[in-house]
Amino acid sequence: MAGTSVALVGNLAFLGLMIPHIVRGIVGTDYRHVIPMSATVGAIFMLFADTVGRTLHAPYETPVAALIAIMGLPFFLFIVHKGGRGLT
């Protein structure tokens, strides 16, 4: 499922796969809190990645999808190493 979403949407799907794991580790598993916090943290993370992409090699811009992929790889390797148990 993760491979299909990345193939259809691109590397930005990493954001939608990473952020809920991180938020669940912070606020717990109650989806009344997880869903709005995932949207908020995802937006903040995207703004952070865009700012880094714009300032990393100024005046040129590094694509946000490339930065998210670079940040997403260690996260997913960590999840795989833990055996899929998430951050709990």
PDB file of N, CA and C in Angstrom:
ATOM      1  N   MET A   1       0.817  -1.181   0.000  1.00  0.00           N
ATOM      2  CA  MET A   1       0.000   0.000   0.000  1.00  0.00           C
ATOM      3  C   MET A   1       0.872   1.260   0.000  1.00  0.00           C
ATOM      4  N   ALA A   2       1.931   1.269   0.779  1.00  0.00           N
ATOM      5  CA  ALA A   2       2.808   2.447   0.813  1.00  0.00           C
ATOM      6  C   ALA A   2       3.483   2.652  -0.537  1.00  0.00           C
ATOM      7  N   GLY A   3       3.918   1.568  -1.159  1.00  0.00           N
ATOM      8  CA  GLY A   3       4.564   1.678  -2.462  1.00  0.00           C
ATOM      9  C   GLY A   3       3.616   2.208  -3.524  1.00  0.00           C
ATOM     10  N   THR A   4       2.368   1.780  -3.474  1.00  0.00           N
ATOM     11  CA  THR A   4       1.377   2.260  -4.437  1.00  0.00           C
ATOM     12  C   THR A   4       1.104   3.743  -4.252  1.00  0.00           C
ATOM     13  N   SER A   5       0.983   4.173  -3.001  1.00  0.00           N
ATOM     14  CA  SER A   5       0.702   5.597  -2.777  1.00  0.00           C
ATOM     15  C   SER A   5       1.868   6.464  -3.208  1.00  0.00           C
ATOM     16  N   VAL A   6       3.097   6.015  -2.971  1.00  0.00           N
ATOM     17  CA  VAL A   6       4.260   6.785  -3.408  1.00  0.00           C
ATOM     18  C   VAL A   6       4.342   6.794  -4.931  1.00  0.00           C
ATOM     19  N   ALA A   7       3.995   5.675  -5.572  1.00  0.00           N
ATOM     20  CA  ALA A   7       4.033   5.626  -7.033  1.00  0.00           C
ATOM     21  C   ALA A   7       2.986   6.551  -7.652  1.00  0.00           C
ATOM     22  N   LEU A   8       1.824   6.655  -7.037  1.00  0.00           N
ATOM     23  CA  LEU A   8       0.762   7.498  -7.587  1.00  0.00           C
ATOM     24  C   LEU A   8       0.953   8.981  -7.277  1.00  0.00           C
ATOM     25  N   VAL A   9       1.331   9.298  -6.066  1.00  0.00           N
ATOM     26  CA  VAL A   9       1.391  10.695  -5.630  1.00  0.00           C
ATOM     27  C   VAL A   9       2.804  11.244  -5.710  1.00  0.00           C
ATOM     28  N   GLY A  10       3.784  10.407  -5.550  1.00  0.00           N
ATOM     29  CA  GLY A  10       5.164  10.870  -5.529  1.00  0.00           C
ATOM     30  C   GLY A  10       5.711  10.835  -4.116  1.00  0.00           C
ATOM     31  N   ASN A  11       6.852  11.441  -3.941  1.00  0.00           N
ATOM     32  CA  ASN A  11       7.517  11.396  -2.644  1.00  0.00           C
ATOM     33  C   ASN A  11       6.782  12.169  -1.561  1.00  0.00           C
ATOM     34  N   LEU A  12       5.853  13.031  -1.931  1.00  0.00           N
ATOM     35  CA  LEU A  12       5.101  13.753  -0.909  1.00  0.00           C
ATOM     36  C   LEU A  12       4.226  12.817  -0.086  1.00  0.00           C
ATOM     37  N   ALA A  13       3.961  11.623  -0.588  1.00  0.00           N
ATOM     38  CA  ALA A  13       3.193  10.658   0.195  1.00  0.00           C
ATOM     39  C   ALA A  13       3.967  10.222   1.429  1.00  0.00           C
ATOM     40  N   PHE A  14       5.292  10.349   1.406  1.00  0.00           N
ATOM     41  CA  PHE A  14       6.083  10.060   2.600  1.00  0.00           C
ATOM     42  C   PHE A  14       5.590  10.900   3.773  1.00  0.00           C
ATOM     43  N   LEU A  15       5.211  12.118   3.503  1.00  0.00           N
ATOM     44  CA  LEU A  15       4.724  13.010   4.550  1.00  0.00           C
ATOM     45  C   LEU A  15       3.478  12.424   5.204  1.00  0.00           C
ATOM     46  N   GLY A  16       2.554  11.944   4.387  1.00  0.00           N
ATOM     47  CA  GLY A  16       1.329  11.358   4.909  1.00  0.00           C
ATOM     48  C   GLY A  16       1.532  10.030   5.604  1.00  0.00           C
ATOM     49  N   LEU A  17       2.660   9.409   5.390  1.00  0.00           N
ATOM     50  CA  LEU A  17       2.964   8.156   6.070  1.00  0.00           C
ATOM     51  C   LEU A  17       3.787   8.379   7.333  1.00  0.00           C
ATOM     52  N   MET A  18       4.641   9.397   7.341  1.00  0.00           N
ATOM     53  CA  MET A  18       5.505   9.664   8.495  1.00  0.00           C
ATOM     54  C   MET A  18       4.776  10.374   9.624  1.00  0.00           C
ATOM     55  N   ILE A  19       4.089  11.444   9.297  1.00  0.00           N
ATOM     56  CA  ILE A  19       3.537  12.332  10.316  1.00  0.00           C
ATOM     57  C   ILE A  19       2.546  11.627  11.250  1.00  0.00           C
ATOM     58  N   PRO A  20       1.598  10.805  10.759  1.00  0.00           N
ATOM     59  CA  PRO A  20       0.705  10.132  11.714  1.00  0.00           C
ATOM     60  C   PRO A  20       1.437   9.222  12.696  1.00  0.00           C
ATOM     61  N   HIS A  21       2.522   8.574  12.270  1.00  0.00           N
ATOM     62  CA  HIS A  21       3.309   7.759  13.201  1.00  0.00           C
ATOM     63  C   HIS A  21       3.910   8.629  14.299  1.00  0.00           C
ATOM     64  N   ILE A  22       4.462   9.752  13.903  1.00  0.00           N
ATOM     65  CA  ILE A  22       5.085  10.654  14.872  1.00  0.00           C
ATOM     66  C   ILE A  22       4.036  11.212  15.827  1.00  0.00           C
ATOM     67  N   VAL A  23       2.895  11.633  15.288  1.00  0.00           N
ATOM     68  CA  VAL A  23       1.843  12.221  16.122  1.00  0.00           C
ATOM     69  C   VAL A  23       1.272  11.186  17.077  1.00  0.00           C
ATOM     70  N   ARG A  24       1.071   9.947  16.620  1.00  0.00           N
ATOM     71  CA  ARG A  24       0.567   8.903  17.507  1.00  0.00           C
ATOM     72  C   ARG A  24       1.512   8.648  18.664  1.00  0.00           C
ATOM     73  N   GLY A  25       2.808   8.789  18.424  1.00  0.00           N
ATOM     74  CA  GLY A  25       3.772   8.643  19.512  1.00  0.00           C
ATOM     75  C   GLY A  25       3.699   9.772  20.518  1.00  0.00           C
ATOM     76  N   ILE A  26       3.201  10.933  20.089  1.00  0.00           N
ATOM     77  CA  ILE A  26       3.137  12.103  20.973  1.00  0.00           C
ATOM     78  C   ILE A  26       1.796  12.198  21.703  1.00  0.00           C
ATOM     79  N   VAL A  27       0.674  12.082  20.965  1.00  0.00           N
ATOM     80  CA  VAL A  27      -0.643  12.324  21.573  1.00  0.00           C
ATOM     81  C   VAL A  27      -1.412  11.054  21.899  1.00  0.00           C
ATOM     82  N   GLY A  28      -0.909   9.894  21.558  1.00  0.00           N
ATOM     83  CA  GLY A  28      -1.626   8.656  21.830  1.00  0.00           C
ATOM     84  C   GLY A  28      -2.392   8.184  20.606  1.00  0.00           C
ATOM     85  N   THR A  29      -3.302   7.244  20.827  1.00  0.00           N
ATOM     86  CA  THR A  29      -3.987   6.609  19.703  1.00  0.00           C
ATOM     87  C   THR A  29      -5.419   7.084  19.507  1.00  0.00           C
ATOM     88  N   ASP A  30      -5.879   8.058  20.260  1.00  0.00           N
ATOM     89  CA  ASP A  30      -7.237   8.580  20.108  1.00  0.00           C
ATOM     90  C   ASP A  30      -7.306   9.420  18.835  1.00  0.00           C
ATOM     91  N   TYR A  31      -8.064   8.941  17.859  1.00  0.00           N
ATOM     92  CA  TYR A  31      -8.088   9.595  16.553  1.00  0.00           C
ATOM     93  C   TYR A  31      -8.779  10.953  16.569  1.00  0.00           C
ATOM     94  N   ARG A  32      -9.511  11.263  17.636  1.00  0.00           N
ATOM     95  CA  ARG A  32     -10.059  12.621  17.757  1.00  0.00           C
ATOM     96  C   ARG A  32      -8.931  13.634  17.895  1.00  0.00           C
ATOM     97  N   HIS A  33      -7.785  13.193  18.396  1.00  0.00           N
ATOM     98  CA  HIS A  33      -6.619  14.065  18.536  1.00  0.00           C
ATOM     99  C   HIS A  33      -5.596  13.827  17.429  1.00  0.00           C
ATOM    100  N   VAL A  34      -5.488  12.588  16.981  1.00  0.00           N
ATOM    101  CA  VAL A  34      -4.459  12.239  15.994  1.00  0.00           C
ATOM    102  C   VAL A  34      -4.714  12.927  14.651  1.00  0.00           C
ATOM    103  N   ILE A  35      -5.948  12.928  14.175  1.00  0.00           N
ATOM    104  CA  ILE A  35      -6.235  13.478  12.841  1.00  0.00           C
ATOM    105  C   ILE A  35      -5.983  14.980  12.766  1.00  0.00           C
ATOM    106  N   PRO A  36      -6.527  15.804  13.700  1.00  0.00           N
ATOM    107  CA  PRO A  36      -6.219  17.240  13.589  1.00  0.00           C
ATOM    108  C   PRO A  36      -4.751  17.555  13.839  1.00  0.00           C
ATOM    109  N   MET A  37      -4.119  16.835  14.758  1.00  0.00           N
ATOM    110  CA  MET A  37      -2.696  17.083  15.018  1.00  0.00           C
ATOM    111  C   MET A  37      -1.837  16.651  13.835  1.00  0.00           C
ATOM    112  N   SER A  38      -2.235  15.581  13.145  1.00  0.00           N
ATOM    113  CA  SER A  38      -1.492  15.154  11.957  1.00  0.00           C
ATOM    114  C   SER A  38      -1.544  16.218  10.875  1.00  0.00           C
ATOM    115  N   ALA A  39      -2.705  16.826  10.697  1.00  0.00           N
ATOM    116  CA  ALA A  39      -2.822  17.894   9.703  1.00  0.00           C
ATOM    117  C   ALA A  39      -1.965  19.089  10.088  1.00  0.00           C
ATOM    118  N   THR A  40      -1.981  19.456  11.361  1.00  0.00           N
ATOM    119  CA  THR A  40      -1.207  20.610  11.826  1.00  0.00           C
ATOM    120  C   THR A  40       0.287  20.347  11.736  1.00  0.00           C
ATOM    121  N   VAL A  41       0.724  19.204  12.251  1.00  0.00           N
ATOM    122  CA  VAL A  41       2.151  18.878  12.230  1.00  0.00           C
ATOM    123  C   VAL A  41       2.625  18.674  10.794  1.00  0.00           C
ATOM    124  N   GLY A  42       1.791  18.080   9.941  1.00  0.00           N
ATOM    125  CA  GLY A  42       2.152  17.908   8.536  1.00  0.00           C
ATOM    126  C   GLY A  42       2.350  19.234   7.828  1.00  0.00           C
ATOM    127  N   ALA A  43       1.473  20.202   8.114  1.00  0.00           N
ATOM    128  CA  ALA A  43       1.621  21.527   7.507  1.00  0.00           C
ATOM    129  C   ALA A  43       2.888  22.217   7.998  1.00  0.00           C
ATOM    130  N   ILE A  44       3.163  22.111   9.294  1.00  0.00           N
ATOM    131  CA  ILE A  44       4.379  22.724   9.848  1.00  0.00           C
ATOM    132  C   ILE A  44       5.622  22.063   9.258  1.00  0.00           C
ATOM    133  N   PHE A  45       5.594  20.741   9.136  1.00  0.00           N
ATOM    134  CA  PHE A  45       6.735  20.018   8.568  1.00  0.00           C
ATOM    135  C   PHE A  45       6.960  20.408   7.109  1.00  0.00           C
ATOM    136  N   MET A  46       5.857  20.574   6.361  1.00  0.00           N
ATOM    137  CA  MET A  46       5.972  20.964   4.952  1.00  0.00           C
ATOM    138  C   MET A  46       6.543  22.370   4.831  1.00  0.00           C
ATOM    139  N   LEU A  47       6.114  23.293   5.693  1.00  0.00           N
ATOM    140  CA  LEU A  47       6.677  24.645   5.691  1.00  0.00           C
ATOM    141  C   LEU A  47       8.160  24.619   6.030  1.00  0.00           C
ATOM    142  N   PHE A  48       8.539  23.783   6.999  1.00  0.00           N
ATOM    143  CA  PHE A  48       9.946  23.645   7.369  1.00  0.00           C
ATOM    144  C   PHE A  48      10.763  23.111   6.193  1.00  0.00           C
ATOM    145  N   ALA A  49      10.267  22.061   5.536  1.00  0.00           N
ATOM    146  CA  ALA A  49      10.991  21.485   4.398  1.00  0.00           C
ATOM    147  C   ALA A  49      11.095  22.477   3.247  1.00  0.00           C
ATOM    148  N   ASP A  50      10.040  23.255   3.015  1.00  0.00           N
ATOM    149  CA  ASP A  50      10.076  24.254   1.949  1.00  0.00           C
ATOM    150  C   ASP A  50      11.083  25.355   2.270  1.00  0.00           C
ATOM    151  N   THR A  51      11.120  25.789   3.519  1.00  0.00           N
ATOM    152  CA  THR A  51      12.078  26.821   3.926  1.00  0.00           C
ATOM    153  C   THR A  51      13.506  26.321   3.784  1.00  0.00           C
ATOM    154  N   VAL A  52      13.756  25.089   4.192  1.00  0.00           N
ATOM    155  CA  VAL A  52      15.098  24.511   4.034  1.00  0.00           C
ATOM    156  C   VAL A  52      15.444  24.403   2.558  1.00  0.00           C
ATOM    157  N   GLY A  53      14.499  23.974   1.738  1.00  0.00           N
ATOM    158  CA  GLY A  53      14.743  23.848   0.305  1.00  0.00           C
ATOM    159  C   GLY A  53      15.059  25.166  -0.368  1.00  0.00           C
ATOM    160  N   ARG A  54      14.442  26.232   0.107  1.00  0.00           N
ATOM    161  CA  ARG A  54      14.693  27.549  -0.483  1.00  0.00           C
ATOM    162  C   ARG A  54      16.010  28.156  -0.021  1.00  0.00           C
ATOM    163  N   THR A  55      16.461  27.842   1.179  1.00  0.00           N
ATOM    164  CA  THR A  55      17.666  28.479   1.721  1.00  0.00           C
ATOM    165  C   THR A  55      18.917  27.617   1.617  1.00  0.00           C
ATOM    166  N   LEU A  56      18.776  26.345   1.310  1.00  0.00           N
ATOM    167  CA  LEU A  56      19.922  25.440   1.299  1.00  0.00           C
ATOM    168  C   LEU A  56      20.951  25.828   0.247  1.00  0.00           C
ATOM    169  N   HIS A  57      20.517  26.076  -0.955  1.00  0.00           N
ATOM    170  CA  HIS A  57      21.418  26.441  -2.052  1.00  0.00           C
ATOM    171  C   HIS A  57      20.930  27.719  -2.726  1.00  0.00           C
ATOM    172  N   ALA A  58      20.670  28.737  -1.926  1.00  0.00           N
ATOM    173  CA  ALA A  58      20.158  29.998  -2.488  1.00  0.00           C
ATOM    174  C   ALA A  58      21.153  30.545  -3.490  1.00  0.00           C
ATOM    175  N   PRO A  59      20.744  31.080  -4.577  1.00  0.00           N
ATOM    176  CA  PRO A  59      19.413  31.453  -5.043  1.00  0.00           C
ATOM    177  C   PRO A  59      18.672  30.320  -5.748  1.00  0.00           C
ATOM    178  N   TYR A  60      19.211  29.115  -5.756  1.00  0.00           N
ATOM    179  CA  TYR A  60      18.522  27.978  -6.371  1.00  0.00           C
ATOM    180  C   TYR A  60      17.639  27.313  -5.325  1.00  0.00           C
ATOM    181  N   GLU A  61      16.672  26.537  -5.793  1.00  0.00           N
ATOM    182  CA  GLU A  61      15.744  25.897  -4.876  1.00  0.00           C
ATOM    183  C   GLU A  61      15.852  24.380  -5.001  1.00  0.00           C
ATOM    184  N   THR A  62      15.992  23.713  -3.872  1.00  0.00           N
ATOM    185  CA  THR A  62      15.996  22.258  -3.825  1.00  0.00           C
ATOM    186  C   THR A  62      14.539  21.790  -3.748  1.00  0.00           C
ATOM    187  N   PRO A  63      14.139  20.807  -4.548  1.00  0.00           N
ATOM    188  CA  PRO A  63      12.743  20.351  -4.519  1.00  0.00           C
ATOM    189  C   PRO A  63      12.347  19.809  -3.144  1.00  0.00           C
ATOM    190  N   VAL A  64      11.153  20.166  -2.722  1.00  0.00           N
ATOM    191  CA  VAL A  64      10.649  19.738  -1.417  1.00  0.00           C
ATOM    192  C   VAL A  64      10.514  18.220  -1.374  1.00  0.00           C
ATOM    193  N   ALA A  65      10.094  17.616  -2.470  1.00  0.00           N
ATOM    194  CA  ALA A  65       9.926  16.161  -2.504  1.00  0.00           C
ATOM    195  C   ALA A  65      11.251  15.450  -2.253  1.00  0.00           C
ATOM    196  N   ALA A  66      12.346  16.003  -2.757  1.00  0.00           N
ATOM    197  CA  ALA A  66      13.656  15.396  -2.523  1.00  0.00           C
ATOM    198  C   ALA A  66      14.043  15.489  -1.052  1.00  0.00           C
ATOM    199  N   LEU A  67      13.777  16.623  -0.431  1.00  0.00           N
ATOM    200  CA  LEU A  67      14.098  16.775   0.989  1.00  0.00           C
ATOM    201  C   LEU A  67      13.258  15.850   1.860  1.00  0.00           C
ATOM    202  N   ILE A  68      11.974  15.723   1.529  1.00  0.00           N
ATOM    203  CA  ILE A  68      11.112  14.837   2.309  1.00  0.00           C
ATOM    204  C   ILE A  68      11.547  13.386   2.141  1.00  0.00           C
ATOM    205  N   ALA A  69      11.964  13.004   0.941  1.00  0.00           N
ATOM    206  CA  ALA A  69      12.450  11.640   0.722  1.00  0.00           C
ATOM    207  C   ALA A  69      13.723  11.383   1.516  1.00  0.00           C
ATOM    208  N   ILE A  70      14.610  12.374   1.564  1.00  0.00           N
ATOM    209  CA  ILE A  70      15.849  12.220   2.330  1.00  0.00           C
ATOM    210  C   ILE A  70      15.543  12.095   3.817  1.00  0.00           C
ATOM    211  N   MET A  71      14.565  12.858   4.312  1.00  0.00           N
ATOM    212  CA  MET A  71      14.189  12.770   5.725  1.00  0.00           C
ATOM    213  C   MET A  71      13.354  11.528   6.007  1.00  0.00           C
ATOM    214  N   GLY A  72      12.607  11.047   5.019  1.00  0.00           N
ATOM    215  CA  GLY A  72      11.727   9.909   5.228  1.00  0.00           C
ATOM    216  C   GLY A  72      12.433   8.572   5.262  1.00  0.00           C
ATOM    217  N   LEU A  73      13.529   8.442   4.550  1.00  0.00           N
ATOM    218  CA  LEU A  73      14.235   7.161   4.504  1.00  0.00           C
ATOM    219  C   LEU A  73      14.714   6.701   5.877  1.00  0.00           C
ATOM    220  N   PRO A  74      15.421   7.530   6.653  1.00  0.00           N
ATOM    221  CA  PRO A  74      15.837   7.062   7.985  1.00  0.00           C
ATOM    222  C   PRO A  74      14.645   6.729   8.884  1.00  0.00           C
ATOM    223  N   PHE A  75      13.559   7.475   8.743  1.00  0.00           N
ATOM    224  CA  PHE A  75      12.374   7.206   9.554  1.00  0.00           C
ATOM    225  C   PHE A  75      11.812   5.822   9.249  1.00  0.00           C
ATOM    226  N   PHE A  76      11.658   5.490   7.972  1.00  0.00           N
ATOM    227  CA  PHE A  76      11.104   4.192   7.621  1.00  0.00           C
ATOM    228  C   PHE A  76      12.067   3.052   7.929  1.00  0.00           C
ATOM    229  N   LEU A  77      13.349   3.285   7.825  1.00  0.00           N
ATOM    230  CA  LEU A  77      14.307   2.262   8.248  1.00  0.00           C
ATOM    231  C   LEU A  77      14.185   2.007   9.748  1.00  0.00           C
ATOM    232  N   PHE A  78      13.950   3.058  10.525  1.00  0.00           N
ATOM    233  CA  PHE A  78      13.734   2.910  11.962  1.00  0.00           C
ATOM    234  C   PHE A  78      12.475   2.097  12.238  1.00  0.00           C
ATOM    235  N   ILE A  79      11.394   2.387  11.508  1.00  0.00           N
ATOM    236  CA  ILE A  79      10.140   1.648  11.694  1.00  0.00           C
ATOM    237  C   ILE A  79      10.332   0.174  11.326  1.00  0.00           C
ATOM    238  N   VAL A  80      11.026  -0.090  10.232  1.00  0.00           N
ATOM    239  CA  VAL A  80      11.276  -1.475   9.820  1.00  0.00           C
ATOM    240  C   VAL A  80      12.144  -2.184  10.852  1.00  0.00           C
ATOM    241  N   HIS A  81      13.134  -1.486  11.373  1.00  0.00           N
ATOM    242  CA  HIS A  81      14.020  -2.078  12.381  1.00  0.00           C
ATOM    243  C   HIS A  81      13.244  -2.442  13.649  1.00  0.00           C
ATOM    244  N   LYS A  82      12.257  -1.631  14.008  1.00  0.00           N
ATOM    245  CA  LYS A  82      11.447  -1.919  15.192  1.00  0.00           C
ATOM    246  C   LYS A  82      10.423  -3.014  14.931  1.00  0.00           C
ATOM    247  N   GLY A  83      10.306  -3.477  13.708  1.00  0.00           N
ATOM    248  CA  GLY A  83       9.372  -4.551  13.390  1.00  0.00           C
ATOM    249  C   GLY A  83       7.960  -4.070  13.133  1.00  0.00           C
ATOM    250  N   GLY A  84       7.794  -2.819  12.737  1.00  0.00           N
ATOM    251  CA  GLY A  84       6.474  -2.301  12.419  1.00  0.00           C
ATOM    252  C   GLY A  84       5.644  -1.927  13.626  1.00  0.00           C
ATOM    253  N   ARG A  85       6.230  -1.875  14.808  1.00  0.00           N
ATOM    254  CA  ARG A  85       5.476  -1.549  16.013  1.00  0.00           C
ATOM    255  C   ARG A  85       5.249  -0.056  16.176  1.00  0.00           C
ATOM    256  N   GLY A  86       5.759   0.749  15.264  1.00  0.00           N
ATOM    257  CA  GLY A  86       5.584   2.201  15.356  1.00  0.00           C
ATOM    258  C   GLY A  86       6.525   2.807  16.378  1.00  0.00           C
ATOM    259  N   LEU A  87       6.145   3.955  16.892  1.00  0.00           N
ATOM    260  CA  LEU A  87       7.000   4.671  17.833  1.00  0.00           C
ATOM    261  C   LEU A  87       6.664   4.375  19.279  1.00  0.00           C
ATOM    262  N   THR A  88       5.692   3.513  19.542  1.00  0.00           N
ATOM    263  CA  THR A  88       5.294   3.234  20.920  1.00  0.00           C
ATOM    264  C   THR A  88       6.165   2.196  21.550  1.00  0.00           C
TER     265      THR A  88
END
